[in-house]
Amino acid sequence: MTVVEKIYQQAEQLPAPLQMTVLEFVEYLVTKLQRKPTVEEDEDAVWSQFSLRMALRGMEDEESDEYQLSDIKEFF
């Protein structure tokens, strides 16, 4: 059974208002895939990548066993 068929089976069991919500969400996802990013979004992505690269630069030279699991103060 394909994913689409599984989605259909699950959606079929929902009441009509929730089916409409599922349809709206699927339409949103399709629209999001088809939409081209704006210039500002492209610039934000470039700056984010650059910022991350700069923040992590030099870390490849660090010892891999420098930190231990016990160093972690919070677990999510």
PDB file of N, CA and C in Angstrom:
ATOM      1  N   MET A   1       0.842  -1.170   0.000  1.00  0.00           N
ATOM      2  CA  MET A   1       0.000   0.000   0.000  1.00  0.00           C
ATOM      3  C   MET A   1       0.899   1.249   0.000  1.00  0.00           C
ATOM      4  N   THR A   2       0.569   2.181  -0.850  1.00  0.00           N
ATOM      5  CA  THR A   2       1.383   3.394  -0.964  1.00  0.00           C
ATOM      6  C   THR A   2       1.040   4.375   0.159  1.00  0.00           C
ATOM      7  N   VAL A   3       1.875   5.349   0.323  1.00  0.00           N
ATOM      8  CA  VAL A   3       1.649   6.377   1.333  1.00  0.00           C
ATOM      9  C   VAL A   3       0.358   7.133   1.040  1.00  0.00           C
ATOM     10  N   VAL A   4       0.132   7.438  -0.221  1.00  0.00           N
ATOM     11  CA  VAL A   4      -1.084   8.159  -0.609  1.00  0.00           C
ATOM     12  C   VAL A   4      -2.321   7.346  -0.228  1.00  0.00           C
ATOM     13  N   GLU A   5      -2.273   6.047  -0.449  1.00  0.00           N
ATOM     14  CA  GLU A   5      -3.402   5.185  -0.088  1.00  0.00           C
ATOM     15  C   GLU A   5      -3.619   5.170   1.423  1.00  0.00           C
ATOM     16  N   LYS A   6      -2.523   5.145   2.185  1.00  0.00           N
ATOM     17  CA  LYS A   6      -2.638   5.172   3.650  1.00  0.00           C
ATOM     18  C   LYS A   6      -3.240   6.495   4.119  1.00  0.00           C
ATOM     19  N   ILE A   7      -2.803   7.575   3.519  1.00  0.00           N
ATOM     20  CA  ILE A   7      -3.362   8.892   3.862  1.00  0.00           C
ATOM     21  C   ILE A   7      -4.847   8.907   3.554  1.00  0.00           C
ATOM     22  N   TYR A   8      -5.207   8.391   2.393  1.00  0.00           N
ATOM     23  CA  TYR A   8      -6.614   8.351   1.989  1.00  0.00           C
ATOM     24  C   TYR A   8      -7.443   7.549   2.990  1.00  0.00           C
ATOM     25  N   GLN A   9      -6.940   6.390   3.388  1.00  0.00           N
ATOM     26  CA  GLN A   9      -7.670   5.537   4.334  1.00  0.00           C
ATOM     27  C   GLN A   9      -7.874   6.251   5.667  1.00  0.00           C
ATOM     28  N   GLN A  10      -6.832   6.910   6.140  1.00  0.00           N
ATOM     29  CA  GLN A  10      -6.941   7.620   7.420  1.00  0.00           C
ATOM     30  C   GLN A  10      -7.883   8.814   7.307  1.00  0.00           C
ATOM     31  N   ALA A  11      -7.747   9.574   6.227  1.00  0.00           N
ATOM     32  CA  ALA A  11      -8.589  10.757   6.036  1.00  0.00           C
ATOM     33  C   ALA A  11     -10.052  10.377   5.877  1.00  0.00           C
ATOM     34  N   GLU A  12     -10.300   9.233   5.285  1.00  0.00           N
ATOM     35  CA  GLU A  12     -11.667   8.764   5.056  1.00  0.00           C
ATOM     36  C   GLU A  12     -12.408   8.547   6.379  1.00  0.00           C
ATOM     37  N   GLN A  13     -11.668   8.244   7.433  1.00  0.00           N
ATOM     38  CA  GLN A  13     -12.271   7.970   8.737  1.00  0.00           C
ATOM     39  C   GLN A  13     -12.583   9.253   9.519  1.00  0.00           C
ATOM     40  N   LEU A  14     -12.077  10.367   9.072  1.00  0.00           N
ATOM     41  CA  LEU A  14     -12.267  11.626   9.786  1.00  0.00           C
ATOM     42  C   LEU A  14     -13.612  12.256   9.445  1.00  0.00           C
ATOM     43  N   PRO A  15     -14.140  13.061  10.381  1.00  0.00           N
ATOM     44  CA  PRO A  15     -15.348  13.823  10.039  1.00  0.00           C
ATOM     45  C   PRO A  15     -15.015  14.880   8.987  1.00  0.00           C
ATOM     46  N   ALA A  16     -16.036  15.326   8.270  1.00  0.00           N
ATOM     47  CA  ALA A  16     -15.853  16.253   7.146  1.00  0.00           C
ATOM     48  C   ALA A  16     -15.038  17.503   7.495  1.00  0.00           C
ATOM     49  N   PRO A  17     -15.270  18.153   8.644  1.00  0.00           N
ATOM     50  CA  PRO A  17     -14.461  19.350   8.946  1.00  0.00           C
ATOM     51  C   PRO A  17     -12.964  19.047   9.062  1.00  0.00           C
ATOM     52  N   LEU A  18     -12.629  17.902   9.634  1.00  0.00           N
ATOM     53  CA  LEU A  18     -11.213  17.529   9.740  1.00  0.00           C
ATOM     54  C   LEU A  18     -10.649  17.118   8.385  1.00  0.00           C
ATOM     55  N   GLN A  19     -11.462  16.515   7.541  1.00  0.00           N
ATOM     56  CA  GLN A  19     -11.016  16.198   6.183  1.00  0.00           C
ATOM     57  C   GLN A  19     -10.665  17.486   5.447  1.00  0.00           C
ATOM     58  N   MET A  20     -11.470  18.529   5.675  1.00  0.00           N
ATOM     59  CA  MET A  20     -11.200  19.822   5.051  1.00  0.00           C
ATOM     60  C   MET A  20      -9.875  20.388   5.556  1.00  0.00           C
ATOM     61  N   THR A  21      -9.590  20.215   6.840  1.00  0.00           N
ATOM     62  CA  THR A  21      -8.324  20.672   7.421  1.00  0.00           C
ATOM     63  C   THR A  21      -7.150  19.943   6.782  1.00  0.00           C
ATOM     64  N   VAL A  22      -7.301  18.636   6.606  1.00  0.00           N
ATOM     65  CA  VAL A  22      -6.245  17.847   5.963  1.00  0.00           C
ATOM     66  C   VAL A  22      -6.027  18.335   4.536  1.00  0.00           C
ATOM     67  N   LEU A  23      -7.101  18.561   3.812  1.00  0.00           N
ATOM     68  CA  LEU A  23      -6.998  19.051   2.433  1.00  0.00           C
ATOM     69  C   LEU A  23      -6.291  20.403   2.387  1.00  0.00           C
ATOM     70  N   GLU A  24      -6.665  21.309   3.286  1.00  0.00           N
ATOM     71  CA  GLU A  24      -6.020  22.627   3.313  1.00  0.00           C
ATOM     72  C   GLU A  24      -4.528  22.508   3.600  1.00  0.00           C
ATOM     73  N   PHE A  25      -4.161  21.584   4.488  1.00  0.00           N
ATOM     74  CA  PHE A  25      -2.748  21.392   4.807  1.00  0.00           C
ATOM     75  C   PHE A  25      -1.990  20.850   3.598  1.00  0.00           C
ATOM     76  N   VAL A  26      -2.574  19.888   2.909  1.00  0.00           N
ATOM     77  CA  VAL A  26      -1.936  19.330   1.712  1.00  0.00           C
ATOM     78  C   VAL A  26      -1.781  20.418   0.653  1.00  0.00           C
ATOM     79  N   GLU A  27      -2.814  21.228   0.465  1.00  0.00           N
ATOM     80  CA  GLU A  27      -2.726  22.324  -0.505  1.00  0.00           C
ATOM     81  C   GLU A  27      -1.645  23.326  -0.114  1.00  0.00           C
ATOM     82  N   TYR A  28      -1.530  23.592   1.191  1.00  0.00           N
ATOM     83  CA  TYR A  28      -0.463  24.476   1.676  1.00  0.00           C
ATOM     84  C   TYR A  28       0.914  23.909   1.331  1.00  0.00           C
ATOM     85  N   LEU A  29       1.110  22.614   1.565  1.00  0.00           N
ATOM     86  CA  LEU A  29       2.399  21.989   1.264  1.00  0.00           C
ATOM     87  C   LEU A  29       2.728  22.049  -0.222  1.00  0.00           C
ATOM     88  N   VAL A  30       1.728  21.804  -1.054  1.00  0.00           N
ATOM     89  CA  VAL A  30       1.928  21.862  -2.506  1.00  0.00           C
ATOM     90  C   VAL A  30       2.303  23.283  -2.919  1.00  0.00           C
ATOM     91  N   THR A  31       1.592  24.259  -2.384  1.00  0.00           N
ATOM     92  CA  THR A  31       1.885  25.663  -2.696  1.00  0.00           C
ATOM     93  C   THR A  31       3.286  26.040  -2.248  1.00  0.00           C
ATOM     94  N   LYS A  32       3.652  25.576  -1.070  1.00  0.00           N
ATOM     95  CA  LYS A  32       4.989  25.870  -0.531  1.00  0.00           C
ATOM     96  C   LYS A  32       6.080  25.294  -1.430  1.00  0.00           C
ATOM     97  N   LEU A  33       5.865  24.101  -1.964  1.00  0.00           N
ATOM     98  CA  LEU A  33       6.841  23.486  -2.867  1.00  0.00           C
ATOM     99  C   LEU A  33       6.948  24.236  -4.187  1.00  0.00           C
ATOM    100  N   GLN A  34       5.838  24.772  -4.658  1.00  0.00           N
ATOM    101  CA  GLN A  34       5.812  25.437  -5.955  1.00  0.00           C
ATOM    102  C   GLN A  34       6.305  26.882  -5.889  1.00  0.00           C
ATOM    103  N   ARG A  35       6.263  27.477  -4.707  1.00  0.00           N
ATOM    104  CA  ARG A  35       6.619  28.882  -4.554  1.00  0.00           C
ATOM    105  C   ARG A  35       8.129  29.061  -4.637  1.00  0.00           C
ATOM    106  N   LYS A  36       8.542  30.070  -5.359  1.00  0.00           N
ATOM    107  CA  LYS A  36       9.963  30.381  -5.453  1.00  0.00           C
ATOM    108  C   LYS A  36      10.324  31.301  -4.295  1.00  0.00           C
ATOM    109  N   PRO A  37      11.483  31.095  -3.676  1.00  0.00           N
ATOM    110  CA  PRO A  37      11.865  31.958  -2.558  1.00  0.00           C
ATOM    111  C   PRO A  37      12.099  33.395  -3.031  1.00  0.00           C
ATOM    112  N   THR A  38      11.790  34.326  -2.146  1.00  0.00           N
ATOM    113  CA  THR A  38      12.028  35.727  -2.457  1.00  0.00           C
ATOM    114  C   THR A  38      13.518  36.025  -2.334  1.00  0.00           C
ATOM    115  N   VAL A  39      13.924  37.175  -2.821  1.00  0.00           N
ATOM    116  CA  VAL A  39      15.326  37.583  -2.731  1.00  0.00           C
ATOM    117  C   VAL A  39      15.749  37.643  -1.268  1.00  0.00           C
ATOM    118  N   GLU A  40      14.861  38.176  -0.415  1.00  0.00           N
ATOM    119  CA  GLU A  40      15.193  38.285   1.008  1.00  0.00           C
ATOM    120  C   GLU A  40      15.407  36.911   1.635  1.00  0.00           C
ATOM    121  N   GLU A  41      14.565  35.942   1.265  1.00  0.00           N
ATOM    122  CA  GLU A  41      14.715  34.595   1.810  1.00  0.00           C
ATOM    123  C   GLU A  41      16.012  33.961   1.323  1.00  0.00           C
ATOM    124  N   ASP A  42      16.360  34.194   0.051  1.00  0.00           N
ATOM    125  CA  ASP A  42      17.630  33.676  -0.469  1.00  0.00           C
ATOM    126  C   ASP A  42      18.802  34.278   0.293  1.00  0.00           C
ATOM    127  N   GLU A  43      18.749  35.593   0.515  1.00  0.00           N
ATOM    128  CA  GLU A  43      19.825  36.264   1.251  1.00  0.00           C
ATOM    129  C   GLU A  43      19.910  35.747   2.677  1.00  0.00           C
ATOM    130  N   ASP A  44      18.752  35.543   3.320  1.00  0.00           N
ATOM    131  CA  ASP A  44      18.747  35.016   4.682  1.00  0.00           C
ATOM    132  C   ASP A  44      19.398  33.639   4.732  1.00  0.00           C
ATOM    133  N   ALA A  45      19.103  32.803   3.744  1.00  0.00           N
ATOM    134  CA  ALA A  45      19.671  31.457   3.712  1.00  0.00           C
ATOM    135  C   ALA A  45      21.187  31.526   3.535  1.00  0.00           C
ATOM    136  N   VAL A  46      21.645  32.404   2.661  1.00  0.00           N
ATOM    137  CA  VAL A  46      23.088  32.555   2.429  1.00  0.00           C
ATOM    138  C   VAL A  46      23.769  33.033   3.702  1.00  0.00           C
ATOM    139  N   TRP A  47      23.188  34.050   4.357  1.00  0.00           N
ATOM    140  CA  TRP A  47      23.794  34.566   5.587  1.00  0.00           C
ATOM    141  C   TRP A  47      23.765  33.531   6.700  1.00  0.00           C
ATOM    142  N   SER A  48      22.710  32.738   6.779  1.00  0.00           N
ATOM    143  CA  SER A  48      22.623  31.692   7.798  1.00  0.00           C
ATOM    144  C   SER A  48      23.720  30.653   7.598  1.00  0.00           C
ATOM    145  N   GLN A  49      23.918  30.233   6.340  1.00  0.00           N
ATOM    146  CA  GLN A  49      24.981  29.263   6.048  1.00  0.00           C
ATOM    147  C   GLN A  49      26.346  29.847   6.383  1.00  0.00           C
ATOM    148  N   PHE A  50      26.560  31.101   5.997  1.00  0.00           N
ATOM    149  CA  PHE A  50      27.830  31.755   6.257  1.00  0.00           C
ATOM    150  C   PHE A  50      28.069  31.856   7.763  1.00  0.00           C
ATOM    151  N   SER A  51      27.044  32.262   8.502  1.00  0.00           N
ATOM    152  CA  SER A  51      27.156  32.411   9.944  1.00  0.00           C
ATOM    153  C   SER A  51      27.499  31.085  10.611  1.00  0.00           C
ATOM    154  N   LEU A  52      26.840  30.032  10.190  1.00  0.00           N
ATOM    155  CA  LEU A  52      27.115  28.715  10.747  1.00  0.00           C
ATOM    156  C   LEU A  52      28.533  28.262  10.422  1.00  0.00           C
ATOM    157  N   ARG A  53      28.964  28.485   9.167  1.00  0.00           N
ATOM    158  CA  ARG A  53      30.334  28.120   8.787  1.00  0.00           C
ATOM    159  C   ARG A  53      31.358  28.862   9.629  1.00  0.00           C
ATOM    160  N   MET A  54      31.122  30.153   9.856  1.00  0.00           N
ATOM    161  CA  MET A  54      32.064  30.945  10.651  1.00  0.00           C
ATOM    162  C   MET A  54      32.059  30.503  12.116  1.00  0.00           C
ATOM    163  N   ALA A  55      30.899  30.172  12.640  1.00  0.00           N
ATOM    164  CA  ALA A  55      30.795  29.744  14.030  1.00  0.00           C
ATOM    165  C   ALA A  55      31.501  28.405  14.254  1.00  0.00           C
ATOM    166  N   LEU A  56      31.481  27.558  13.245  1.00  0.00           N
ATOM    167  CA  LEU A  56      32.054  26.217  13.382  1.00  0.00           C
ATOM    168  C   LEU A  56      33.468  26.103  12.839  1.00  0.00           C
ATOM    169  N   ARG A  57      33.996  27.182  12.250  1.00  0.00           N
ATOM    170  CA  ARG A  57      35.314  27.089  11.633  1.00  0.00           C
ATOM    171  C   ARG A  57      36.361  26.740  12.692  1.00  0.00           C
ATOM    172  N   GLY A  58      37.252  25.882  12.309  1.00  0.00           N
ATOM    173  CA  GLY A  58      38.318  25.440  13.205  1.00  0.00           C
ATOM    174  C   GLY A  58      37.923  24.258  14.067  1.00  0.00           C
ATOM    175  N   MET A  59      36.640  23.954  14.141  1.00  0.00           N
ATOM    176  CA  MET A  59      36.216  22.845  14.996  1.00  0.00           C
ATOM    177  C   MET A  59      36.627  21.495  14.435  1.00  0.00           C
ATOM    178  N   GLU A  60      36.858  21.445  13.118  1.00  0.00           N
ATOM    179  CA  GLU A  60      37.270  20.160  12.543  1.00  0.00           C
ATOM    180  C   GLU A  60      38.636  19.734  13.062  1.00  0.00           C
ATOM    181  N   ASP A  61      39.402  20.687  13.603  1.00  0.00           N
ATOM    182  CA  ASP A  61      40.726  20.374  14.139  1.00  0.00           C
ATOM    183  C   ASP A  61      40.677  19.927  15.594  1.00  0.00           C
ATOM    184  N   GLU A  62      39.522  20.078  16.244  1.00  0.00           N
ATOM    185  CA  GLU A  62      39.408  19.705  17.646  1.00  0.00           C
ATOM    186  C   GLU A  62      39.425  18.192  17.807  1.00  0.00           C
ATOM    187  N   GLU A  63      39.872  17.764  18.971  1.00  0.00           N
ATOM    188  CA  GLU A  63      39.854  16.344  19.298  1.00  0.00           C
ATOM    189  C   GLU A  63      38.408  15.879  19.405  1.00  0.00           C
ATOM    190  N   SER A  64      38.119  14.740  18.825  1.00  0.00           N
ATOM    191  CA  SER A  64      36.738  14.270  18.815  1.00  0.00           C
ATOM    192  C   SER A  64      36.281  13.759  20.175  1.00  0.00           C
ATOM    193  N   ASP A  65      37.197  13.359  21.033  1.00  0.00           N
ATOM    194  CA  ASP A  65      36.803  12.824  22.339  1.00  0.00           C
ATOM    195  C   ASP A  65      36.979  13.853  23.448  1.00  0.00           C
ATOM    196  N   GLU A  66      37.031  15.136  23.073  1.00  0.00           N
ATOM    197  CA  GLU A  66      37.243  16.190  24.059  1.00  0.00           C
ATOM    198  C   GLU A  66      36.054  16.309  25.016  1.00  0.00           C
ATOM    199  N   TYR A  67      34.868  16.074  24.519  1.00  0.00           N
ATOM    200  CA  TYR A  67      33.675  16.183  25.335  1.00  0.00           C
ATOM    201  C   TYR A  67      33.092  14.795  25.562  1.00  0.00           C
ATOM    202  N   GLN A  68      32.556  14.613  26.744  1.00  0.00           N
ATOM    203  CA  GLN A  68      31.941  13.342  27.114  1.00  0.00           C
ATOM    204  C   GLN A  68      30.448  13.553  27.324  1.00  0.00           C
ATOM    205  N   LEU A  69      29.680  12.484  27.335  1.00  0.00           N
ATOM    206  CA  LEU A  69      28.255  12.553  27.567  1.00  0.00           C
ATOM    207  C   LEU A  69      27.956  13.214  28.915  1.00  0.00           C
ATOM    208  N   SER A  70      28.817  13.008  29.882  1.00  0.00           N
ATOM    209  CA  SER A  70      28.606  13.591  31.215  1.00  0.00           C
ATOM    210  C   SER A  70      28.752  15.117  31.203  1.00  0.00           C
ATOM    211  N   ASP A  71      29.328  15.694  30.120  1.00  0.00           N
ATOM    212  CA  ASP A  71      29.452  17.143  30.015  1.00  0.00           C
ATOM    213  C   ASP A  71      28.122  17.822  29.686  1.00  0.00           C
ATOM    214  N   ILE A  72      27.180  17.055  29.193  1.00  0.00           N
ATOM    215  CA  ILE A  72      25.891  17.626  28.799  1.00  0.00           C
ATOM    216  C   ILE A  72      25.088  17.947  30.043  1.00  0.00           C
ATOM    217  N   LYS A  73      24.637  19.188  30.154  1.00  0.00           N
ATOM    218  CA  LYS A  73      23.900  19.618  31.321  1.00  0.00           C
ATOM    219  C   LYS A  73      22.401  19.471  31.154  1.00  0.00           C
ATOM    220  N   GLU A  74      21.902  19.562  29.921  1.00  0.00           N
ATOM    221  CA  GLU A  74      20.469  19.425  29.662  1.00  0.00           C
ATOM    222  C   GLU A  74      20.254  18.443  28.536  1.00  0.00           C
ATOM    223  N   PHE A  75      19.258  17.595  28.721  1.00  0.00           N
ATOM    224  CA  PHE A  75      18.863  16.648  27.685  1.00  0.00           C
ATOM    225  C   PHE A  75      17.483  17.037  27.184  1.00  0.00           C
ATOM    226  N   PHE A  76      17.276  16.958  25.882  1.00  0.00           N
ATOM    227  CA  PHE A  76      15.976  17.304  25.311  1.00  0.00           C
ATOM    228  C   PHE A  76      15.292  16.069  24.817  1.00  0.00           C
TER     229      PHE A  76
END
